[in-house]
């Protein structure tokens, strides 16, 4: 009885997650996937961005200092 209730509740929860995901737009689903991947990566103790993105990231040009 208890096992059936917990299984039913779990199925309802999974169905609610699926329904929530289906409601979102394509761009939102993509953003949700990216955030989930980044969160998983941070939980593992890794840097949020891979090394190749950090290497080739555009850095802002330094502003000239007055008097230089």
PDB file of N, CA and C in Angstrom:
ATOM      1  N   UNK A   1       0.827  -1.190   0.000  1.00  0.00           N
ATOM      2  CA  UNK A   1       0.000   0.000   0.000  1.00  0.00           C
ATOM      3  C   UNK A   1       0.872   1.255   0.000  1.00  0.00           C
ATOM      4  N   UNK A   2       1.829   1.305   0.941  1.00  0.00           N
ATOM      5  CA  UNK A   2       2.718   2.458   1.043  1.00  0.00           C
ATOM      6  C   UNK A   2       3.596   2.580  -0.208  1.00  0.00           C
ATOM      7  N   UNK A   3       4.099   1.425  -0.686  1.00  0.00           N
ATOM      8  CA  UNK A   3       4.950   1.427  -1.869  1.00  0.00           C
ATOM      9  C   UNK A   3       4.174   1.916  -3.085  1.00  0.00           C
ATOM     10  N   UNK A   4       2.930   1.494  -3.187  1.00  0.00           N
ATOM     11  CA  UNK A   4       2.099   1.906  -4.316  1.00  0.00           C
ATOM     12  C   UNK A   4       1.869   3.419  -4.276  1.00  0.00           C
ATOM     13  N   UNK A   5       1.642   3.950  -3.076  1.00  0.00           N
ATOM     14  CA  UNK A   5       1.414   5.381  -2.940  1.00  0.00           C
ATOM     15  C   UNK A   5       2.667   6.187  -3.328  1.00  0.00           C
ATOM     16  N   UNK A   6       3.834   5.721  -2.856  1.00  0.00           N
ATOM     17  CA  UNK A   6       5.062   6.449  -3.186  1.00  0.00           C
ATOM     18  C   UNK A   6       5.359   6.353  -4.684  1.00  0.00           C
ATOM     19  N   UNK A   7       5.100   5.199  -5.288  1.00  0.00           N
ATOM     20  CA  UNK A   7       5.315   5.035  -6.712  1.00  0.00           C
ATOM     21  C   UNK A   7       4.374   5.947  -7.502  1.00  0.00           C
ATOM     22  N   UNK A   8       3.141   6.036  -7.054  1.00  0.00           N
ATOM     23  CA  UNK A   8       2.159   6.894  -7.707  1.00  0.00           C
ATOM     24  C   UNK A   8       2.565   8.360  -7.596  1.00  0.00           C
ATOM     25  N   UNK A   9       3.021   8.755  -6.416  1.00  0.00           N
ATOM     26  CA  UNK A   9       3.465  10.130  -6.218  1.00  0.00           C
ATOM     27  C   UNK A   9       4.677  10.433  -7.095  1.00  0.00           C
ATOM     28  N   UNK A  10       5.579   9.493  -7.217  1.00  0.00           N
ATOM     29  CA  UNK A  10       6.754   9.678  -8.064  1.00  0.00           C
ATOM     30  C   UNK A  10       6.355   9.835  -9.526  1.00  0.00           C
ATOM     31  N   UNK A  11       5.400   9.017  -9.969  1.00  0.00           N
ATOM     32  CA  UNK A  11       4.922   9.124 -11.350  1.00  0.00           C
ATOM     33  C   UNK A  11       4.238  10.462 -11.595  1.00  0.00           C
ATOM     34  N   UNK A  12       3.464  10.932 -10.633  1.00  0.00           N
ATOM     35  CA  UNK A  12       2.817  12.236 -10.772  1.00  0.00           C
ATOM     36  C   UNK A  12       3.855  13.350 -10.854  1.00  0.00           C
ATOM     37  N   UNK A  13       4.917  13.234 -10.063  1.00  0.00           N
ATOM     38  CA  UNK A  13       5.976  14.247 -10.069  1.00  0.00           C
ATOM     39  C   UNK A  13       6.684  14.269 -11.428  1.00  0.00           C
ATOM     40  N   UNK A  14       6.992  13.084 -11.957  1.00  0.00           N
ATOM     41  CA  UNK A  14       7.643  13.005 -13.264  1.00  0.00           C
ATOM     42  C   UNK A  14       6.753  13.582 -14.358  1.00  0.00           C
ATOM     43  N   UNK A  15       5.466  13.293 -14.272  1.00  0.00           N
ATOM     44  CA  UNK A  15       4.510  13.822 -15.241  1.00  0.00           C
ATOM     45  C   UNK A  15       4.438  15.344 -15.149  1.00  0.00           C
ATOM     46  N   UNK A  16       4.462  15.890 -13.944  1.00  0.00           N
ATOM     47  CA  UNK A  16       4.434  17.347 -13.762  1.00  0.00           C
ATOM     48  C   UNK A  16       5.694  17.984 -14.340  1.00  0.00           C
ATOM     49  N   UNK A  17       6.847  17.354 -14.150  1.00  0.00           N
ATOM     50  CA  UNK A  17       8.090  17.878 -14.727  1.00  0.00           C
ATOM     51  C   UNK A  17       8.019  17.868 -16.254  1.00  0.00           C
ATOM     52  N   UNK A  18       7.517  16.779 -16.810  1.00  0.00           N
ATOM     53  CA  UNK A  18       7.400  16.682 -18.267  1.00  0.00           C
ATOM     54  C   UNK A  18       6.449  17.742 -18.808  1.00  0.00           C
ATOM     55  N   UNK A  19       5.316  17.924 -18.115  1.00  0.00           N
ATOM     56  CA  UNK A  19       4.332  18.932 -18.528  1.00  0.00           C
ATOM     57  C   UNK A  19       4.943  20.330 -18.464  1.00  0.00           C
ATOM     58  N   UNK A  20       5.696  20.604 -17.398  1.00  0.00           N
ATOM     59  CA  UNK A  20       6.337  21.915 -17.239  1.00  0.00           C
ATOM     60  C   UNK A  20       7.327  22.158 -18.372  1.00  0.00           C
ATOM     61  N   UNK A  21       8.096  21.130 -18.718  1.00  0.00           N
ATOM     62  CA  UNK A  21       9.081  21.256 -19.784  1.00  0.00           C
ATOM     63  C   UNK A  21       8.404  21.486 -21.130  1.00  0.00           C
ATOM     64  N   UNK A  22       7.293  20.787 -21.374  1.00  0.00           N
ATOM     65  CA  UNK A  22       6.582  20.928 -22.646  1.00  0.00           C
ATOM     66  C   UNK A  22       5.994  22.321 -22.829  1.00  0.00           C
ATOM     67  N   UNK A  23       5.645  22.980 -21.754  1.00  0.00           N
ATOM     68  CA  UNK A  23       5.047  24.307 -21.837  1.00  0.00           C
ATOM     69  C   UNK A  23       6.074  25.351 -22.291  1.00  0.00           C
ATOM     70  N   UNK A  24       7.348  25.140 -21.950  1.00  0.00           N
ATOM     71  CA  UNK A  24       8.383  26.133 -22.220  1.00  0.00           C
ATOM     72  C   UNK A  24       8.672  26.244 -23.717  1.00  0.00           C
ATOM     73  N   UNK A  25       9.166  27.424 -24.112  1.00  0.00           N
ATOM     74  CA  UNK A  25       9.568  27.618 -25.502  1.00  0.00           C
ATOM     75  C   UNK A  25      10.885  26.905 -25.753  1.00  0.00           C
ATOM     76  N   UNK A  26      11.248  26.787 -26.999  1.00  0.00           N
ATOM     77  CA  UNK A  26      12.487  26.079 -27.362  1.00  0.00           C
ATOM     78  C   UNK A  26      13.708  26.763 -26.758  1.00  0.00           C
ATOM     79  N   UNK A  27      13.740  28.099 -26.802  1.00  0.00           N
ATOM     80  CA  UNK A  27      14.877  28.847 -26.265  1.00  0.00           C
ATOM     81  C   UNK A  27      14.984  28.644 -24.753  1.00  0.00           C
ATOM     82  N   UNK A  28      13.848  28.616 -24.081  1.00  0.00           N
ATOM     83  CA  UNK A  28      13.842  28.427 -22.633  1.00  0.00           C
ATOM     84  C   UNK A  28      14.339  27.032 -22.281  1.00  0.00           C
ATOM     85  N   UNK A  29      13.905  26.022 -23.037  1.00  0.00           N
ATOM     86  CA  UNK A  29      14.380  24.657 -22.776  1.00  0.00           C
ATOM     87  C   UNK A  29      15.889  24.561 -22.956  1.00  0.00           C
ATOM     88  N   UNK A  30      16.408  25.241 -23.975  1.00  0.00           N
ATOM     89  CA  UNK A  30      17.855  25.242 -24.210  1.00  0.00           C
ATOM     90  C   UNK A  30      18.573  25.889 -23.032  1.00  0.00           C
ATOM     91  N   UNK A  31      18.042  27.001 -22.560  1.00  0.00           N
ATOM     92  CA  UNK A  31      18.635  27.699 -21.410  1.00  0.00           C
ATOM     93  C   UNK A  31      18.589  26.822 -20.162  1.00  0.00           C
ATOM     94  N   UNK A  32      17.483  26.110 -19.964  1.00  0.00           N
ATOM     95  CA  UNK A  32      17.353  25.214 -18.816  1.00  0.00           C
ATOM     96  C   UNK A  32      18.391  24.094 -18.877  1.00  0.00           C
ATOM     97  N   UNK A  33      18.604  23.528 -20.066  1.00  0.00           N
ATOM     98  CA  UNK A  33      19.616  22.482 -20.237  1.00  0.00           C
ATOM     99  C   UNK A  33      21.011  23.010 -19.926  1.00  0.00           C
ATOM    100  N   UNK A  34      21.333  24.195 -20.450  1.00  0.00           N
ATOM    101  CA  UNK A  34      22.657  24.774 -20.212  1.00  0.00           C
ATOM    102  C   UNK A  34      22.876  25.039 -18.731  1.00  0.00           C
ATOM    103  N   UNK A  35      21.863  25.567 -18.052  1.00  0.00           N
ATOM    104  CA  UNK A  35      21.995  25.840 -16.621  1.00  0.00           C
ATOM    105  C   UNK A  35      22.149  24.552 -15.824  1.00  0.00           C
ATOM    106  N   UNK A  36      21.437  23.501 -16.236  1.00  0.00           N
ATOM    107  CA  UNK A  36      21.554  22.220 -15.539  1.00  0.00           C
ATOM    108  C   UNK A  36      22.952  21.644 -15.711  1.00  0.00           C
ATOM    109  N   UNK A  37      23.498  21.737 -16.910  1.00  0.00           N
ATOM    110  CA  UNK A  37      24.856  21.238 -17.164  1.00  0.00           C
ATOM    111  C   UNK A  37      25.884  22.017 -16.357  1.00  0.00           C
ATOM    112  N   UNK A  38      25.714  23.345 -16.328  1.00  0.00           N
ATOM    113  CA  UNK A  38      26.666  24.177 -15.588  1.00  0.00           C
ATOM    114  C   UNK A  38      26.576  23.869 -14.090  1.00  0.00           C
ATOM    115  N   UNK A  39      25.369  23.676 -13.573  1.00  0.00           N
ATOM    116  CA  UNK A  39      25.192  23.359 -12.152  1.00  0.00           C
ATOM    117  C   UNK A  39      25.827  22.008 -11.829  1.00  0.00           C
ATOM    118  N   UNK A  40      25.634  21.029 -12.711  1.00  0.00           N
ATOM    119  CA  UNK A  40      26.230  19.707 -12.504  1.00  0.00           C
ATOM    120  C   UNK A  40      27.751  19.808 -12.486  1.00  0.00           C
ATOM    121  N   UNK A  41      28.287  20.622 -13.382  1.00  0.00           N
ATOM    122  CA  UNK A  41      29.735  20.805 -13.474  1.00  0.00           C
ATOM    123  C   UNK A  41      30.282  21.459 -12.205  1.00  0.00           C
ATOM    124  N   UNK A  42      29.591  22.470 -11.699  1.00  0.00           N
ATOM    125  CA  UNK A  42      30.040  23.161 -10.486  1.00  0.00           C
ATOM    126  C   UNK A  42      29.962  22.224  -9.282  1.00  0.00           C
ATOM    127  N   UNK A  43      28.907  21.409  -9.203  1.00  0.00           N
ATOM    128  CA  UNK A  43      28.782  20.448  -8.098  1.00  0.00           C
ATOM    129  C   UNK A  43      29.926  19.448  -8.091  1.00  0.00           C
ATOM    130  N   UNK A  44      30.471  19.127  -9.266  1.00  0.00           N
ATOM    131  CA  UNK A  44      31.578  18.187  -9.344  1.00  0.00           C
ATOM    132  C   UNK A  44      32.905  18.834  -8.954  1.00  0.00           C
ATOM    133  N   UNK A  45      32.904  20.145  -8.729  1.00  0.00           N
ATOM    134  CA  UNK A  45      34.120  20.835  -8.322  1.00  0.00           C
ATOM    135  C   UNK A  45      34.945  21.332  -9.490  1.00  0.00           C
ATOM    136  N   UNK A  46      34.370  21.367 -10.670  1.00  0.00           N
ATOM    137  CA  UNK A  46      35.088  21.840 -11.844  1.00  0.00           C
ATOM    138  C   UNK A  46      34.764  23.306 -12.090  1.00  0.00           C
ATOM    139  N   UNK A  47      35.549  23.922 -12.966  1.00  0.00           N
ATOM    140  CA  UNK A  47      35.299  25.316 -13.342  1.00  0.00           C
ATOM    141  C   UNK A  47      34.013  25.364 -14.162  1.00  0.00           C
ATOM    142  N   UNK A  48      33.213  26.414 -14.010  1.00  0.00           N
ATOM    143  CA  UNK A  48      31.950  26.477 -14.753  1.00  0.00           C
ATOM    144  C   UNK A  48      32.136  26.497 -16.272  1.00  0.00           C
ATOM    145  N   UNK A  49      33.245  27.064 -16.753  1.00  0.00           N
ATOM    146  CA  UNK A  49      33.495  27.122 -18.189  1.00  0.00           C
ATOM    147  C   UNK A  49      34.649  26.195 -18.551  1.00  0.00           C
ATOM    148  N   UNK A  50      34.558  25.492 -19.690  1.00  0.00           N
ATOM    149  CA  UNK A  50      35.669  24.645 -20.113  1.00  0.00           C
ATOM    150  C   UNK A  50      36.900  25.487 -20.452  1.00  0.00           C
ATOM    151  N   UNK A  51      38.062  24.851 -20.462  1.00  0.00           N
ATOM    152  CA  UNK A  51      39.306  25.590 -20.651  1.00  0.00           C
ATOM    153  C   UNK A  51      39.355  26.298 -22.004  1.00  0.00           C
ATOM    154  N   UNK A  52      38.806  25.671 -23.063  1.00  0.00           N
ATOM    155  CA  UNK A  52      38.904  26.285 -24.391  1.00  0.00           C
ATOM    156  C   UNK A  52      38.057  27.545 -24.493  1.00  0.00           C
ATOM    157  N   UNK A  53      37.000  27.632 -23.727  1.00  0.00           N
ATOM    158  CA  UNK A  53      36.199  28.859 -23.731  1.00  0.00           C
ATOM    159  C   UNK A  53      36.944  29.941 -22.967  1.00  0.00           C
ATOM    160  N   UNK A  54      37.612  29.559 -21.882  1.00  0.00           N
ATOM    161  CA  UNK A  54      38.374  30.548 -21.113  1.00  0.00           C
ATOM    162  C   UNK A  54      39.559  31.061 -21.914  1.00  0.00           C
ATOM    163  N   UNK A  55      40.201  30.190 -22.689  1.00  0.00           N
ATOM    164  CA  UNK A  55      41.371  30.616 -23.464  1.00  0.00           C
ATOM    165  C   UNK A  55      40.982  31.593 -24.564  1.00  0.00           C
ATOM    166  N   UNK A  56      39.911  31.280 -25.288  1.00  0.00           N
ATOM    167  CA  UNK A  56      39.541  32.082 -26.455  1.00  0.00           C
ATOM    168  C   UNK A  56      38.494  33.147 -26.161  1.00  0.00           C
ATOM    169  N   UNK A  57      38.209  33.393 -24.903  1.00  0.00           N
ATOM    170  CA  UNK A  57      37.245  34.433 -24.533  1.00  0.00           C
ATOM    171  C   UNK A  57      37.819  35.804 -24.877  1.00  0.00           C
ATOM    172  N   UNK A  58      37.000  36.642 -25.413  1.00  0.00           N
ATOM    173  CA  UNK A  58      37.450  38.010 -25.710  1.00  0.00           C
ATOM    174  C   UNK A  58      37.552  38.785 -24.402  1.00  0.00           C
ATOM    175  N   UNK A  59      38.684  39.371 -24.195  1.00  0.00           N
ATOM    176  CA  UNK A  59      38.853  40.189 -22.998  1.00  0.00           C
ATOM    177  C   UNK A  59      38.659  41.641 -23.404  1.00  0.00           C
ATOM    178  N   UNK A  60      38.080  42.439 -22.544  1.00  0.00           N
ATOM    179  CA  UNK A  60      37.886  43.846 -22.912  1.00  0.00           C
ATOM    180  C   UNK A  60      39.248  44.533 -23.052  1.00  0.00           C
ATOM    181  N   UNK A  61      39.308  45.458 -24.003  1.00  0.00           N
ATOM    182  CA  UNK A  61      40.571  46.170 -24.212  1.00  0.00           C
ATOM    183  C   UNK A  61      40.810  47.094 -23.020  1.00  0.00           C
ATOM    184  N   UNK A  62      42.033  47.143 -22.526  1.00  0.00           N
ATOM    185  CA  UNK A  62      42.296  47.991 -21.365  1.00  0.00           C
ATOM    186  C   UNK A  62      42.163  49.463 -21.767  1.00  0.00           C
ATOM    187  N   UNK A  63      41.573  50.230 -20.880  1.00  0.00           N
ATOM    188  CA  UNK A  63      41.424  51.668 -21.148  1.00  0.00           C
ATOM    189  C   UNK A  63      42.737  52.351 -20.809  1.00  0.00           C
ATOM    190  N   UNK A  64      43.139  53.305 -21.648  1.00  0.00           N
ATOM    191  CA  UNK A  64      44.411  53.985 -21.360  1.00  0.00           C
ATOM    192  C   UNK A  64      44.307  54.815 -20.077  1.00  0.00           C
ATOM    193  N   UNK A  65      45.342  54.754 -19.294  1.00  0.00           N
ATOM    194  CA  UNK A  65      45.365  55.523 -18.053  1.00  0.00           C
ATOM    195  C   UNK A  65      45.781  56.958 -18.344  1.00  0.00           C
ATOM    196  N   UNK A  66      45.204  57.889 -17.615  1.00  0.00           N
ATOM    197  CA  UNK A  66      45.617  59.283 -17.835  1.00  0.00           C
ATOM    198  C   UNK A  66      47.071  59.469 -17.385  1.00  0.00           C
ATOM    199  N   UNK A  67      47.818  60.193 -18.210  1.00  0.00           N
ATOM    200  CA  UNK A  67      49.208  60.458 -17.860  1.00  0.00           C
ATOM    201  C   UNK A  67      50.170  59.447 -18.433  1.00  0.00           C
ATOM    202  N   UNK A  68      49.687  58.443 -19.142  1.00  0.00           N
ATOM    203  CA  UNK A  68      50.584  57.425 -19.701  1.00  0.00           C
ATOM    204  C   UNK A  68      51.020  57.796 -21.088  1.00  0.00           C
TER     205      UNK A  68
END
